Amino acid sequence: MKVLTKRIYEDPDPADHRRILVDRLWPRGIGKADAKIDFWAKSVSPSDELRRWYGHEPAKWDEFRRRYFQELDSNPDGIAELQSHLGSGTVTFLYASKETRLNNASALRAYLESRS
């Protein structure tokens, strides 16, 4: 399985294959029909508390990942639900953050890679 990450504000592309939104909140300014998502993985997104604490501050990235991985470890049902939507082939994790490298989608991809 190949996992890509992409801002939800970018146009959908056939190369995205399955599109999974990995944010807890629905992104502003995007209609549900326009998003063209296949699954909204709210249950494996960072908690509101963790999301607010992180605030996309690069200096907090390593600690954010550690805390987020702990949340994911304690959420086997959410991980199982996500995995049931992954299948094989390519999947694209969608996120709303302006930060294209240090975001929850890339952290979730790293988590899944480390557990496979």
PDB file of N, CA and C in Angstrom:
ATOM      1  N   MET A   1       0.838  -1.174   0.000  1.00  0.00           N
ATOM      2  CA  MET A   1       0.000   0.000   0.000  1.00  0.00           C
ATOM      3  C   MET A   1       0.888   1.244   0.000  1.00  0.00           C
ATOM      4  N   LYS A   2       0.525   2.198  -0.802  1.00  0.00           N
ATOM      5  CA  LYS A   2       1.235   3.467  -0.873  1.00  0.00           C
ATOM      6  C   LYS A   2       0.324   4.550  -0.304  1.00  0.00           C
ATOM      7  N   VAL A   3       0.839   5.339   0.661  1.00  0.00           N
ATOM      8  CA  VAL A   3       0.057   6.412   1.276  1.00  0.00           C
ATOM      9  C   VAL A   3       0.653   7.754   0.867  1.00  0.00           C
ATOM     10  N   LEU A   4      -0.173   8.564   0.221  1.00  0.00           N
ATOM     11  CA  LEU A   4       0.198   9.926  -0.136  1.00  0.00           C
ATOM     12  C   LEU A   4      -0.483  10.869   0.842  1.00  0.00           C
ATOM     13  N   THR A   5       0.014  12.094   0.941  1.00  0.00           N
ATOM     14  CA  THR A   5      -0.667  13.119   1.733  1.00  0.00           C
ATOM     15  C   THR A   5      -0.889  14.322   0.834  1.00  0.00           C
ATOM     16  N   LYS A   6      -1.995  15.027   1.094  1.00  0.00           N
ATOM     17  CA  LYS A   6      -2.366  16.144   0.222  1.00  0.00           C
ATOM     18  C   LYS A   6      -3.324  17.067   0.962  1.00  0.00           C
ATOM     19  N   ARG A   7      -3.170  18.372   0.725  1.00  0.00           N
ATOM     20  CA  ARG A   7      -4.140  19.310   1.285  1.00  0.00           C
ATOM     21  C   ARG A   7      -5.484  19.106   0.609  1.00  0.00           C
ATOM     22  N   ILE A   8      -6.528  19.137   1.379  1.00  0.00           N
ATOM     23  CA  ILE A   8      -7.867  18.939   0.822  1.00  0.00           C
ATOM     24  C   ILE A   8      -8.253  20.090  -0.112  1.00  0.00           C
ATOM     25  N   TYR A   9      -7.582  21.217   0.010  1.00  0.00           N
ATOM     26  CA  TYR A   9      -7.879  22.370  -0.828  1.00  0.00           C
ATOM     27  C   TYR A   9      -7.301  22.240  -2.237  1.00  0.00           C
ATOM     28  N   GLU A  10      -6.456  21.236  -2.463  1.00  0.00           N
ATOM     29  CA  GLU A  10      -5.962  20.956  -3.809  1.00  0.00           C
ATOM     30  C   GLU A  10      -7.036  20.172  -4.559  1.00  0.00           C
ATOM     31  N   ASP A  11      -7.082  20.350  -5.864  1.00  0.00           N
ATOM     32  CA  ASP A  11      -8.092  19.662  -6.668  1.00  0.00           C
ATOM     33  C   ASP A  11      -7.928  18.148  -6.581  1.00  0.00           C
ATOM     34  N   PRO A  12      -9.052  17.433  -6.517  1.00  0.00           N
ATOM     35  CA  PRO A  12      -8.981  15.972  -6.571  1.00  0.00           C
ATOM     36  C   PRO A  12      -8.338  15.542  -7.893  1.00  0.00           C
ATOM     37  N   ASP A  13      -7.634  14.434  -7.841  1.00  0.00           N
ATOM     38  CA  ASP A  13      -6.924  13.925  -9.004  1.00  0.00           C
ATOM     39  C   ASP A  13      -7.108  12.413  -9.047  1.00  0.00           C
ATOM     40  N   PRO A  14      -7.249  11.832 -10.223  1.00  0.00           N
ATOM     41  CA  PRO A  14      -7.378  10.366 -10.288  1.00  0.00           C
ATOM     42  C   PRO A  14      -6.197   9.638  -9.625  1.00  0.00           C
ATOM     43  N   ALA A  15      -5.022  10.269  -9.592  1.00  0.00           N
ATOM     44  CA  ALA A  15      -3.849   9.650  -8.962  1.00  0.00           C
ATOM     45  C   ALA A  15      -4.001   9.542  -7.445  1.00  0.00           C
ATOM     46  N   ASP A  16      -4.978  10.251  -6.867  1.00  0.00           N
ATOM     47  CA  ASP A  16      -5.233  10.158  -5.421  1.00  0.00           C
ATOM     48  C   ASP A  16      -5.771   8.779  -5.043  1.00  0.00           C
ATOM     49  N   HIS A  17      -6.448   8.127  -5.963  1.00  0.00           N
ATOM     50  CA  HIS A  17      -7.136   6.859  -5.713  1.00  0.00           C
ATOM     51  C   HIS A  17      -8.123   7.049  -4.564  1.00  0.00           C
ATOM     52  N   ARG A  18      -8.025   6.270  -3.491  1.00  0.00           N
ATOM     53  CA  ARG A  18      -8.942   6.450  -2.356  1.00  0.00           C
ATOM     54  C   ARG A  18      -8.530   7.678  -1.570  1.00  0.00           C
ATOM     55  N   ARG A  19      -9.490   8.547  -1.267  1.00  0.00           N
ATOM     56  CA  ARG A  19      -9.231   9.802  -0.567  1.00  0.00           C
ATOM     57  C   ARG A  19      -9.837   9.725   0.827  1.00  0.00           C
ATOM     58  N   ILE A  20      -8.978   9.845   1.841  1.00  0.00           N
ATOM     59  CA  ILE A  20      -9.413   9.714   3.237  1.00  0.00           C
ATOM     60  C   ILE A  20      -9.063  10.992   3.982  1.00  0.00           C
ATOM     61  N   LEU A  21     -10.081  11.672   4.486  1.00  0.00           N
ATOM     62  CA  LEU A  21      -9.875  12.873   5.302  1.00  0.00           C
ATOM     63  C   LEU A  21      -9.478  12.437   6.699  1.00  0.00           C
ATOM     64  N   VAL A  22      -8.348  12.952   7.194  1.00  0.00           N
ATOM     65  CA  VAL A  22      -7.834  12.517   8.494  1.00  0.00           C
ATOM     66  C   VAL A  22      -7.852  13.644   9.532  1.00  0.00           C
ATOM     67  N   ASP A  23      -8.697  14.635   9.329  1.00  0.00           N
ATOM     68  CA  ASP A  23      -8.873  15.730  10.291  1.00  0.00           C
ATOM     69  C   ASP A  23     -10.139  15.498  11.109  1.00  0.00           C
ATOM     70  N   ARG A  24     -10.126  15.961  12.348  1.00  0.00           N
ATOM     71  CA  ARG A  24     -11.293  15.837  13.216  1.00  0.00           C
ATOM     72  C   ARG A  24     -12.402  16.810  12.816  1.00  0.00           C
ATOM     73  N   LEU A  25     -12.005  17.992  12.356  1.00  0.00           N
ATOM     74  CA  LEU A  25     -12.969  19.015  11.963  1.00  0.00           C
ATOM     75  C   LEU A  25     -13.091  19.059  10.446  1.00  0.00           C
ATOM     76  N   TRP A  26     -14.310  19.321   9.975  1.00  0.00           N
ATOM     77  CA  TRP A  26     -14.492  19.464   8.532  1.00  0.00           C
ATOM     78  C   TRP A  26     -13.793  20.754   8.083  1.00  0.00           C
ATOM     79  N   PRO A  27     -13.034  20.714   6.986  1.00  0.00           N
ATOM     80  CA  PRO A  27     -12.289  21.893   6.534  1.00  0.00           C
ATOM     81  C   PRO A  27     -13.209  23.026   6.066  1.00  0.00           C
ATOM     82  N   ARG A  28     -12.839  24.223   6.443  1.00  0.00           N
ATOM     83  CA  ARG A  28     -13.617  25.406   6.077  1.00  0.00           C
ATOM     84  C   ARG A  28     -13.611  25.620   4.568  1.00  0.00           C
ATOM     85  N   GLY A  29     -14.765  26.025   4.073  1.00  0.00           N
ATOM     86  CA  GLY A  29     -14.866  26.418   2.676  1.00  0.00           C
ATOM     87  C   GLY A  29     -14.934  25.281   1.673  1.00  0.00           C
ATOM     88  N   ILE A  30     -15.020  24.051   2.133  1.00  0.00           N
ATOM     89  CA  ILE A  30     -15.085  22.891   1.234  1.00  0.00           C
ATOM     90  C   ILE A  30     -16.449  22.223   1.409  1.00  0.00           C
ATOM     91  N   GLY A  31     -17.184  22.120   0.330  1.00  0.00           N
ATOM     92  CA  GLY A  31     -18.448  21.395   0.375  1.00  0.00           C
ATOM     93  C   GLY A  31     -18.194  19.903   0.368  1.00  0.00           C
ATOM     94  N   LYS A  32     -19.061  19.157   0.999  1.00  0.00           N
ATOM     95  CA  LYS A  32     -18.847  17.704   1.079  1.00  0.00           C
ATOM     96  C   LYS A  32     -18.827  17.059  -0.303  1.00  0.00           C
ATOM     97  N   ALA A  33     -19.644  17.533  -1.212  1.00  0.00           N
ATOM     98  CA  ALA A  33     -19.641  16.968  -2.565  1.00  0.00           C
ATOM     99  C   ALA A  33     -18.345  17.309  -3.297  1.00  0.00           C
ATOM    100  N   ASP A  34     -17.825  18.511  -3.074  1.00  0.00           N
ATOM    101  CA  ASP A  34     -16.597  18.946  -3.751  1.00  0.00           C
ATOM    102  C   ASP A  34     -15.355  18.229  -3.214  1.00  0.00           C
ATOM    103  N   ALA A  35     -15.406  17.777  -1.978  1.00  0.00           N
ATOM    104  CA  ALA A  35     -14.241  17.148  -1.353  1.00  0.00           C
ATOM    105  C   ALA A  35     -13.909  15.800  -1.985  1.00  0.00           C
ATOM    106  N   LYS A  36     -14.924  15.128  -2.466  1.00  0.00           N
ATOM    107  CA  LYS A  36     -14.739  13.819  -3.097  1.00  0.00           C
ATOM    108  C   LYS A  36     -13.920  12.864  -2.216  1.00  0.00           C
ATOM    109  N   ILE A  37     -14.350  12.765  -0.953  1.00  0.00           N
ATOM    110  CA  ILE A  37     -13.659  11.834  -0.057  1.00  0.00           C
ATOM    111  C   ILE A  37     -14.380  10.483  -0.059  1.00  0.00           C
ATOM    112  N   ASP A  38     -13.601   9.449   0.191  1.00  0.00           N
ATOM    113  CA  ASP A  38     -14.163   8.109   0.282  1.00  0.00           C
ATOM    114  C   ASP A  38     -14.458   7.720   1.733  1.00  0.00           C
ATOM    115  N   PHE A  39     -13.746   8.351   2.661  1.00  0.00           N
ATOM    116  CA  PHE A  39     -13.940   8.034   4.078  1.00  0.00           C
ATOM    117  C   PHE A  39     -13.409   9.200   4.904  1.00  0.00           C
ATOM    118  N   TRP A  40     -14.132   9.522   5.968  1.00  0.00           N
ATOM    119  CA  TRP A  40     -13.693  10.561   6.902  1.00  0.00           C
ATOM    120  C   TRP A  40     -13.256   9.854   8.182  1.00  0.00           C
ATOM    121  N   ALA A  41     -11.965   9.834   8.419  1.00  0.00           N
ATOM    122  CA  ALA A  41     -11.382   9.092   9.540  1.00  0.00           C
ATOM    123  C   ALA A  41     -11.247   9.965  10.790  1.00  0.00           C
ATOM    124  N   LYS A  42     -12.367  10.480  11.266  1.00  0.00           N
ATOM    125  CA  LYS A  42     -12.345  11.340  12.461  1.00  0.00           C
ATOM    126  C   LYS A  42     -11.788  10.613  13.677  1.00  0.00           C
ATOM    127  N   SER A  43     -12.078   9.328  13.768  1.00  0.00           N
ATOM    128  CA  SER A  43     -11.726   8.591  14.991  1.00  0.00           C
ATOM    129  C   SER A  43     -10.221   8.412  15.177  1.00  0.00           C
ATOM    130  N   VAL A  44      -9.429   8.619  14.138  1.00  0.00           N
ATOM    131  CA  VAL A  44      -7.975   8.483  14.281  1.00  0.00           C
ATOM    132  C   VAL A  44      -7.255   9.820  14.121  1.00  0.00           C
ATOM    133  N   SER A  45      -8.002  10.893  14.112  1.00  0.00           N
ATOM    134  CA  SER A  45      -7.366  12.211  14.059  1.00  0.00           C
ATOM    135  C   SER A  45      -6.918  12.593  15.466  1.00  0.00           C
ATOM    136  N   PRO A  46      -5.984  13.528  15.576  1.00  0.00           N
ATOM    137  CA  PRO A  46      -5.537  13.945  16.919  1.00  0.00           C
ATOM    138  C   PRO A  46      -6.702  14.505  17.740  1.00  0.00           C
ATOM    139  N   SER A  47      -6.659  14.277  19.029  1.00  0.00           N
ATOM    140  CA  SER A  47      -7.690  14.822  19.916  1.00  0.00           C
ATOM    141  C   SER A  47      -7.681  16.345  19.831  1.00  0.00           C
ATOM    142  N   ASP A  48      -8.802  16.940  20.185  1.00  0.00           N
ATOM    143  CA  ASP A  48      -8.868  18.411  20.188  1.00  0.00           C
ATOM    144  C   ASP A  48      -7.790  18.998  21.091  1.00  0.00           C
ATOM    145  N   GLU A  49      -7.583  18.370  22.248  1.00  0.00           N
ATOM    146  CA  GLU A  49      -6.578  18.853  23.192  1.00  0.00           C
ATOM    147  C   GLU A  49      -5.181  18.831  22.566  1.00  0.00           C
ATOM    148  N   LEU A  50      -4.833  17.729  21.920  1.00  0.00           N
ATOM    149  CA  LEU A  50      -3.516  17.616  21.306  1.00  0.00           C
ATOM    150  C   LEU A  50      -3.380  18.578  20.128  1.00  0.00           C
ATOM    151  N   ARG A  51      -4.406  18.677  19.337  1.00  0.00           N
ATOM    152  CA  ARG A  51      -4.385  19.571  18.174  1.00  0.00           C
ATOM    153  C   ARG A  51      -4.169  21.016  18.608  1.00  0.00           C
ATOM    154  N   ARG A  52      -4.869  21.432  19.640  1.00  0.00           N
ATOM    155  CA  ARG A  52      -4.717  22.815  20.137  1.00  0.00           C
ATOM    156  C   ARG A  52      -3.329  23.030  20.742  1.00  0.00           C
ATOM    157  N   TRP A  53      -2.838  22.029  21.488  1.00  0.00           N
ATOM    158  CA  TRP A  53      -1.514  22.156  22.099  1.00  0.00           C
ATOM    159  C   TRP A  53      -0.444  22.322  21.021  1.00  0.00           C
ATOM    160  N   TYR A  54      -0.514  21.506  19.983  1.00  0.00           N
ATOM    161  CA  TYR A  54       0.506  21.530  18.930  1.00  0.00           C
ATOM    162  C   TYR A  54       0.487  22.859  18.174  1.00  0.00           C
ATOM    163  N   GLY A  55      -0.655  23.291  17.707  1.00  0.00           N
ATOM    164  CA  GLY A  55      -0.772  24.571  17.008  1.00  0.00           C
ATOM    165  C   GLY A  55       0.157  24.713  15.811  1.00  0.00           C
ATOM    166  N   HIS A  56       0.597  23.610  15.244  1.00  0.00           N
ATOM    167  CA  HIS A  56       1.496  23.596  14.074  1.00  0.00           C
ATOM    168  C   HIS A  56       2.787  24.355  14.327  1.00  0.00           C
ATOM    169  N   GLU A  57       3.282  24.267  15.561  1.00  0.00           N
ATOM    170  CA  GLU A  57       4.575  24.861  15.902  1.00  0.00           C
ATOM    171  C   GLU A  57       5.660  23.817  15.654  1.00  0.00           C
ATOM    172  N   PRO A  58       6.539  24.040  14.672  1.00  0.00           N
ATOM    173  CA  PRO A  58       7.554  23.044  14.323  1.00  0.00           C
ATOM    174  C   PRO A  58       8.396  22.566  15.513  1.00  0.00           C
ATOM    175  N   ALA A  59       8.650  23.422  16.475  1.00  0.00           N
ATOM    176  CA  ALA A  59       9.461  23.026  17.634  1.00  0.00           C
ATOM    177  C   ALA A  59       8.768  21.940  18.462  1.00  0.00           C
ATOM    178  N   LYS A  60       7.454  21.802  18.329  1.00  0.00           N
ATOM    179  CA  LYS A  60       6.696  20.807  19.084  1.00  0.00           C
ATOM    180  C   LYS A  60       6.458  19.514  18.301  1.00  0.00           C
ATOM    181  N   TRP A  61       6.994  19.433  17.091  1.00  0.00           N
ATOM    182  CA  TRP A  61       6.684  18.301  16.209  1.00  0.00           C
ATOM    183  C   TRP A  61       7.006  16.940  16.822  1.00  0.00           C
ATOM    184  N   ASP A  62       8.202  16.761  17.334  1.00  0.00           N
ATOM    185  CA  ASP A  62       8.573  15.451  17.879  1.00  0.00           C
ATOM    186  C   ASP A  62       7.671  15.042  19.036  1.00  0.00           C
ATOM    187  N   GLU A  63       7.358  15.988  19.907  1.00  0.00           N
ATOM    188  CA  GLU A  63       6.479  15.676  21.034  1.00  0.00           C
ATOM    189  C   GLU A  63       5.044  15.438  20.557  1.00  0.00           C
ATOM    190  N   PHE A  64       4.609  16.194  19.551  1.00  0.00           N
ATOM    191  CA  PHE A  64       3.285  15.968  18.968  1.00  0.00           C
ATOM    192  C   PHE A  64       3.181  14.535  18.444  1.00  0.00           C
ATOM    193  N   ARG A  65       4.177  14.119  17.671  1.00  0.00           N
ATOM    194  CA  ARG A  65       4.162  12.754  17.127  1.00  0.00           C
ATOM    195  C   ARG A  65       4.123  11.711  18.248  1.00  0.00           C
ATOM    196  N   ARG A  66       4.924  11.909  19.271  1.00  0.00           N
ATOM    197  CA  ARG A  66       4.946  10.954  20.378  1.00  0.00           C
ATOM    198  C   ARG A  66       3.565  10.853  21.021  1.00  0.00           C
ATOM    199  N   ARG A  67       2.959  11.998  21.323  1.00  0.00           N
ATOM    200  CA  ARG A  67       1.636  12.008  21.958  1.00  0.00           C
ATOM    201  C   ARG A  67       0.558  11.448  21.024  1.00  0.00           C
ATOM    202  N   TYR A  68       0.636  11.795  19.746  1.00  0.00           N
ATOM    203  CA  TYR A  68      -0.337  11.311  18.778  1.00  0.00           C
ATOM    204  C   TYR A  68      -0.222   9.792  18.631  1.00  0.00           C
ATOM    205  N   PHE A  69       0.993   9.276  18.578  1.00  0.00           N
ATOM    206  CA  PHE A  69       1.181   7.832  18.488  1.00  0.00           C
ATOM    207  C   PHE A  69       0.598   7.144  19.718  1.00  0.00           C
ATOM    208  N   GLN A  70       0.735   7.757  20.893  1.00  0.00           N
ATOM    209  CA  GLN A  70       0.130   7.189  22.107  1.00  0.00           C
ATOM    210  C   GLN A  70      -1.390   7.145  21.963  1.00  0.00           C
ATOM    211  N   GLU A  71      -1.980   8.230  21.443  1.00  0.00           N
ATOM    212  CA  GLU A  71      -3.424   8.234  21.222  1.00  0.00           C
ATOM    213  C   GLU A  71      -3.825   7.115  20.265  1.00  0.00           C
ATOM    214  N   LEU A  72      -3.058   6.956  19.197  1.00  0.00           N
ATOM    215  CA  LEU A  72      -3.372   5.915  18.219  1.00  0.00           C
ATOM    216  C   LEU A  72      -3.211   4.523  18.822  1.00  0.00           C
ATOM    217  N   ASP A  73      -2.173   4.325  19.620  1.00  0.00           N
ATOM    218  CA  ASP A  73      -1.973   3.035  20.284  1.00  0.00           C
ATOM    219  C   ASP A  73      -3.150   2.668  21.188  1.00  0.00           C
ATOM    220  N   SER A  74      -3.760   3.672  21.785  1.00  0.00           N
ATOM    221  CA  SER A  74      -4.879   3.409  22.692  1.00  0.00           C
ATOM    222  C   SER A  74      -6.233   3.414  21.964  1.00  0.00           C
ATOM    223  N   ASN A  75      -6.200   3.401  20.642  1.00  0.00           N
ATOM    224  CA  ASN A  75      -7.422   3.439  19.846  1.00  0.00           C
ATOM    225  C   ASN A  75      -7.428   2.318  18.795  1.00  0.00           C
ATOM    226  N   PRO A  76      -7.356   1.047  19.227  1.00  0.00           N
ATOM    227  CA  PRO A  76      -7.308  -0.045  18.243  1.00  0.00           C
ATOM    228  C   PRO A  76      -8.558  -0.131  17.366  1.00  0.00           C
ATOM    229  N   ASP A  77      -9.712   0.254  17.894  1.00  0.00           N
ATOM    230  CA  ASP A  77     -10.933   0.211  17.079  1.00  0.00           C
ATOM    231  C   ASP A  77     -10.862   1.237  15.948  1.00  0.00           C
ATOM    232  N   GLY A  78     -10.362   2.425  16.243  1.00  0.00           N
ATOM    233  CA  GLY A  78     -10.223   3.452  15.213  1.00  0.00           C
ATOM    234  C   GLY A  78      -9.233   3.036  14.139  1.00  0.00           C
ATOM    235  N   ILE A  79      -8.110   2.445  14.564  1.00  0.00           N
ATOM    236  CA  ILE A  79      -7.098   1.968  13.611  1.00  0.00           C
ATOM    237  C   ILE A  79      -7.688   0.858  12.742  1.00  0.00           C
ATOM    238  N   ALA A  80      -8.426  -0.063  13.344  1.00  0.00           N
ATOM    239  CA  ALA A  80      -9.046  -1.150  12.583  1.00  0.00           C
ATOM    240  C   ALA A  80     -10.043  -0.590  11.561  1.00  0.00           C
ATOM    241  N   GLU A  81     -10.832   0.400  11.978  1.00  0.00           N
ATOM    242  CA  GLU A  81     -11.784   1.015  11.056  1.00  0.00           C
ATOM    243  C   GLU A  81     -11.045   1.665   9.882  1.00  0.00           C
ATOM    244  N   LEU A  82      -9.978   2.407  10.179  1.00  0.00           N
ATOM    245  CA  LEU A  82      -9.190   3.026   9.111  1.00  0.00           C
ATOM    246  C   LEU A  82      -8.624   1.960   8.185  1.00  0.00           C
ATOM    247  N   GLN A  83      -8.034   0.925   8.752  1.00  0.00           N
ATOM    248  CA  GLN A  83      -7.415  -0.112   7.931  1.00  0.00           C
ATOM    249  C   GLN A  83      -8.432  -0.817   7.033  1.00  0.00           C
ATOM    250  N   SER A  84      -9.677  -0.879   7.477  1.00  0.00           N
ATOM    251  CA  SER A  84     -10.707  -1.505   6.641  1.00  0.00           C
ATOM    252  C   SER A  84     -11.001  -0.671   5.396  1.00  0.00           C
ATOM    253  N   HIS A  85     -10.610   0.593   5.406  1.00  0.00           N
ATOM    254  CA  HIS A  85     -10.832   1.479   4.259  1.00  0.00           C
ATOM    255  C   HIS A  85      -9.579   1.673   3.406  1.00  0.00           C
ATOM    256  N   LEU A  86      -8.459   1.130   3.849  1.00  0.00           N
ATOM    257  CA  LEU A  86      -7.210   1.344   3.115  1.00  0.00           C
ATOM    258  C   LEU A  86      -7.093   0.448   1.892  1.00  0.00           C
ATOM    259  N   GLY A  87      -7.376  -0.816   2.054  1.00  0.00           N
ATOM    260  CA  GLY A  87      -7.231  -1.740   0.947  1.00  0.00           C
ATOM    261  C   GLY A  87      -5.783  -1.856   0.511  1.00  0.00           C
ATOM    262  N   SER A  88      -5.581  -2.164  -0.766  1.00  0.00           N
ATOM    263  CA  SER A  88      -4.233  -2.226  -1.319  1.00  0.00           C
ATOM    264  C   SER A  88      -4.122  -1.141  -2.383  1.00  0.00           C
ATOM    265  N   GLY A  89      -2.930  -0.901  -2.838  1.00  0.00           N
ATOM    266  CA  GLY A  89      -2.731   0.153  -3.821  1.00  0.00           C
ATOM    267  C   GLY A  89      -2.476   1.490  -3.154  1.00  0.00           C
ATOM    268  N   THR A  90      -2.924   2.539  -3.790  1.00  0.00           N
ATOM    269  CA  THR A  90      -2.643   3.899  -3.324  1.00  0.00           C
ATOM    270  C   THR A  90      -3.836   4.478  -2.580  1.00  0.00           C
ATOM    271  N   VAL A  91      -3.542   5.201  -1.517  1.00  0.00           N
ATOM    272  CA  VAL A  91      -4.539   5.945  -0.761  1.00  0.00           C
ATOM    273  C   VAL A  91      -3.948   7.315  -0.465  1.00  0.00           C
ATOM    274  N   THR A  92      -4.790   8.333  -0.418  1.00  0.00           N
ATOM    275  CA  THR A  92      -4.327   9.688  -0.119  1.00  0.00           C
ATOM    276  C   THR A  92      -4.991  10.167   1.155  1.00  0.00           C
ATOM    277  N   PHE A  93      -4.153  10.525   2.145  1.00  0.00           N
ATOM    278  CA  PHE A  93      -4.651  11.130   3.379  1.00  0.00           C
ATOM    279  C   PHE A  93      -4.774  12.625   3.143  1.00  0.00           C
ATOM    280  N   LEU A  94      -5.958  13.141   3.359  1.00  0.00           N
ATOM    281  CA  LEU A  94      -6.239  14.567   3.153  1.00  0.00           C
ATOM    282  C   LEU A  94      -6.251  15.299   4.486  1.00  0.00           C
ATOM    283  N   TYR A  95      -5.713  16.505   4.478  1.00  0.00           N
ATOM    284  CA  TYR A  95      -5.639  17.345   5.677  1.00  0.00           C
ATOM    285  C   TYR A  95      -5.876  18.792   5.259  1.00  0.00           C
ATOM    286  N   ALA A  96      -6.225  19.647   6.219  1.00  0.00           N
ATOM    287  CA  ALA A  96      -6.517  21.042   5.914  1.00  0.00           C
ATOM    288  C   ALA A  96      -5.371  21.996   6.241  1.00  0.00           C
ATOM    289  N   SER A  97      -4.460  21.592   7.057  1.00  0.00           N
ATOM    290  CA  SER A  97      -3.377  22.461   7.519  1.00  0.00           C
ATOM    291  C   SER A  97      -2.604  23.098   6.369  1.00  0.00           C
ATOM    292  N   LYS A  98      -2.139  24.313   6.592  1.00  0.00           N
ATOM    293  CA  LYS A  98      -1.257  24.968   5.620  1.00  0.00           C
ATOM    294  C   LYS A  98       0.146  24.364   5.670  1.00  0.00           C
ATOM    295  N   GLU A  99       0.465  23.728   6.791  1.00  0.00           N
ATOM    296  CA  GLU A  99       1.768  23.073   6.963  1.00  0.00           C
ATOM    297  C   GLU A  99       1.758  21.771   6.160  1.00  0.00           C
ATOM    298  N   THR A 100       2.580  21.716   5.115  1.00  0.00           N
ATOM    299  CA  THR A 100       2.526  20.573   4.213  1.00  0.00           C
ATOM    300  C   THR A 100       3.434  19.415   4.620  1.00  0.00           C
ATOM    301  N   ARG A 101       4.303  19.624   5.579  1.00  0.00           N
ATOM    302  CA  ARG A 101       5.234  18.559   5.968  1.00  0.00           C
ATOM    303  C   ARG A 101       4.959  18.046   7.381  1.00  0.00           C
ATOM    304  N   LEU A 102       4.790  18.936   8.330  1.00  0.00           N
ATOM    305  CA  LEU A 102       4.619  18.568   9.736  1.00  0.00           C
ATOM    306  C   LEU A 102       3.141  18.655  10.114  1.00  0.00           C
ATOM    307  N   ASN A 103       2.375  17.671   9.681  1.00  0.00           N
ATOM    308  CA  ASN A 103       0.934  17.676   9.936  1.00  0.00           C
ATOM    309  C   ASN A 103       0.476  16.280  10.347  1.00  0.00           C
ATOM    310  N   ASN A 104      -0.751  16.182  10.788  1.00  0.00           N
ATOM    311  CA  ASN A 104      -1.248  14.909  11.298  1.00  0.00           C
ATOM    312  C   ASN A 104      -1.332  13.831  10.224  1.00  0.00           C
ATOM    313  N   ALA A 105      -1.521  14.196   8.969  1.00  0.00           N
ATOM    314  CA  ALA A 105      -1.579  13.196   7.901  1.00  0.00           C
ATOM    315  C   ALA A 105      -0.225  12.508   7.738  1.00  0.00           C
ATOM    316  N   SER A 106       0.853  13.289   7.753  1.00  0.00           N
ATOM    317  CA  SER A 106       2.175  12.673   7.617  1.00  0.00           C
ATOM    318  C   SER A 106       2.528  11.877   8.871  1.00  0.00           C
ATOM    319  N   ALA A 107       2.073  12.343  10.040  1.00  0.00           N
ATOM    320  CA  ALA A 107       2.315  11.587  11.270  1.00  0.00           C
ATOM    321  C   ALA A 107       1.548  10.260  11.249  1.00  0.00           C
ATOM    322  N   LEU A 108       0.310  10.293  10.782  1.00  0.00           N
ATOM    323  CA  LEU A 108      -0.488   9.070  10.708  1.00  0.00           C
ATOM    324  C   LEU A 108       0.135   8.087   9.720  1.00  0.00           C
ATOM    325  N   ARG A 109       0.617   8.580   8.597  1.00  0.00           N
ATOM    326  CA  ARG A 109       1.303   7.708   7.634  1.00  0.00           C
ATOM    327  C   ARG A 109       2.529   7.055   8.289  1.00  0.00           C
ATOM    328  N   ALA A 110       3.324   7.851   9.011  1.00  0.00           N
ATOM    329  CA  ALA A 110       4.505   7.312   9.686  1.00  0.00           C
ATOM    330  C   ALA A 110       4.108   6.272  10.736  1.00  0.00           C
ATOM    331  N   TYR A 111       3.033   6.529  11.450  1.00  0.00           N
ATOM    332  CA  TYR A 111       2.554   5.575  12.457  1.00  0.00           C
ATOM    333  C   TYR A 111       2.220   4.241  11.803  1.00  0.00           C
ATOM    334  N   LEU A 112       1.449   4.278  10.729  1.00  0.00           N
ATOM    335  CA  LEU A 112       1.045   3.044  10.052  1.00  0.00           C
ATOM    336  C   LEU A 112       2.257   2.305   9.491  1.00  0.00           C
ATOM    337  N   GLU A 113       3.205   3.054   8.931  1.00  0.00           N
ATOM    338  CA  GLU A 113       4.421   2.431   8.398  1.00  0.00           C
ATOM    339  C   GLU A 113       5.228   1.769   9.505  1.00  0.00           C
ATOM    340  N   SER A 114       5.280   2.399  10.677  1.00  0.00           N
ATOM    341  CA  SER A 114       6.061   1.835  11.779  1.00  0.00           C
ATOM    342  C   SER A 114       5.408   0.611  12.404  1.00  0.00           C
ATOM    343  N   ARG A 115       4.114   0.443  12.191  1.00  0.00           N
ATOM    344  CA  ARG A 115       3.374  -0.668  12.790  1.00  0.00           C
ATOM    345  C   ARG A 115       3.140  -1.807  11.805  1.00  0.00           C
ATOM    346  N   SER A 116       3.566  -1.645  10.567  1.00  0.00           N
ATOM    347  CA  SER A 116       3.299  -2.708   9.562  1.00  0.00           C
ATOM    348  C   SER A 116       4.425  -3.717   9.490  1.00  0.00           C
TER     349      SER A 116
END
